[in-house]
Amino acid sequence: MQGNTGDRVREVQCLLDSWGFDIGSAGVDGRFGPDTAKAVRSFQAWFGGLTIDGKVGANTWRRCGVDLIATVTGPPRPCGWPP
């Protein structure tokens, strides 16, 4: 996901930030850069059982409490929505 932009990135940034993972000084900006990747790796390590690669694949989305099909096909959820 690094290099991606948009609502899906914003959604994962919102989740990570709301759970206390440091997404960097830019905050929720919709750009998947090194700070977001680092936060994803921290989440993956904290959660356990995930490949720690900084990518938000199907398994990481599931562990975030997000139904991947709904996320891909439905509208983005607003920042701070409960999983």
Protein backbone atom coordinates (compact mmCIF):
# COMPACT_ATOMS: atom_id res chain seq x y z
CA MET A 1 0.00 0.00 0.00
CA GLN A 2 2.94 2.37 0.38
CA GLY A 3 2.54 5.15 -2.18
CA ASN A 4 -1.26 4.74 -2.28
CA THR A 5 -3.55 7.65 -1.52
CA GLY A 6 -7.23 8.13 -0.84
CA ASP A 7 -10.11 7.19 1.41
CA ARG A 8 -8.95 3.61 2.10
CA VAL A 9 -5.59 4.90 3.34
CA ARG A 10 -7.38 7.53 5.41
CA GLU A 11 -9.55 4.78 6.91
CA VAL A 12 -6.60 2.68 8.05
CA GLN A 13 -4.82 5.79 9.35
CA CYS A 14 -7.92 6.70 11.38
CA LEU A 15 -8.07 3.23 12.89
CA LEU A 16 -4.37 3.13 13.74
CA ASP A 17 -4.43 6.62 15.21
CA SER A 18 -7.54 5.93 17.29
CA TRP A 19 -5.82 2.85 18.74
CA GLY A 20 -2.73 4.86 19.71
CA PHE A 21 -0.33 3.86 16.93
CA ASP A 22 1.89 6.74 15.78
CA ILE A 23 1.02 7.59 12.17
CA GLY A 24 3.45 10.52 12.06
CA SER A 25 3.19 14.28 12.21
CA ALA A 26 1.11 14.55 9.01
CA GLY A 27 -1.69 12.69 10.79
CA VAL A 28 -4.64 11.37 8.82
CA ASP A 29 -3.77 12.72 5.39
CA GLY A 30 -4.77 9.88 3.07
CA ARG A 31 -1.17 9.27 1.92
CA PHE A 32 0.44 5.92 2.71
CA GLY A 33 4.03 6.87 3.41
CA PRO A 34 6.81 5.56 5.65
CA ASP A 35 5.12 6.70 8.88
CA THR A 36 1.90 4.88 8.06
CA ALA A 37 3.86 1.76 7.05
CA LYS A 38 5.71 1.91 10.39
CA ALA A 39 2.41 2.21 12.26
CA VAL A 40 1.03 -0.77 10.32
CA ARG A 41 4.14 -2.83 11.22
CA SER A 42 3.70 -1.84 14.88
CA PHE A 43 0.06 -2.95 14.76
CA GLN A 44 0.98 -6.22 13.07
CA ALA A 45 3.64 -6.94 15.72
CA TRP A 46 1.30 -5.97 18.56
CA PHE A 47 -1.59 -8.06 17.26
CA GLY A 48 0.53 -11.13 16.54
CA GLY A 49 -0.02 -13.85 13.98
CA LEU A 50 0.42 -11.43 11.09
CA THR A 51 3.28 -11.02 8.66
CA ILE A 52 5.08 -7.86 9.77
CA ASP A 53 5.49 -6.20 6.39
CA GLY A 54 3.78 -2.82 6.74
CA LYS A 55 1.20 -3.76 4.11
CA VAL A 56 -2.53 -3.74 4.75
CA GLY A 57 -3.55 -6.98 3.08
CA ALA A 58 -6.65 -9.07 3.73
CA ASN A 59 -5.36 -10.54 7.01
CA THR A 60 -4.38 -7.17 8.44
CA TRP A 61 -7.75 -5.66 7.42
CA ARG A 62 -9.51 -8.58 9.14
CA ARG A 63 -7.50 -8.03 12.32
CA CYS A 64 -8.51 -4.37 12.20
CA GLY A 65 -12.09 -5.61 12.37
CA VAL A 66 -12.83 -4.61 8.80
CA ASP A 67 -14.79 -6.81 6.44
CA LEU A 68 -12.58 -6.65 3.35
CA ILE A 69 -15.43 -7.15 0.88
CA ALA A 70 -17.49 -4.32 2.41
CA THR A 71 -14.41 -2.13 2.53
CA VAL A 72 -13.56 -2.67 -1.11
CA THR A 73 -17.11 -2.47 -2.47
CA GLY A 74 -18.84 -0.17 -0.02
CA PRO A 75 -18.36 3.47 0.76
CA PRO A 76 -15.45 4.42 3.01
CA ARG A 77 -16.42 4.75 6.63
CA PRO A 78 -15.82 8.05 8.41
CA CYS A 79 -12.80 8.55 10.62
CA GLY A 80 -13.32 7.08 14.06
CA TRP A 81 -16.07 4.59 13.18
CA PRO A 82 -16.14 1.56 15.48
CA PRO A 83 -15.09 -1.72 13.82
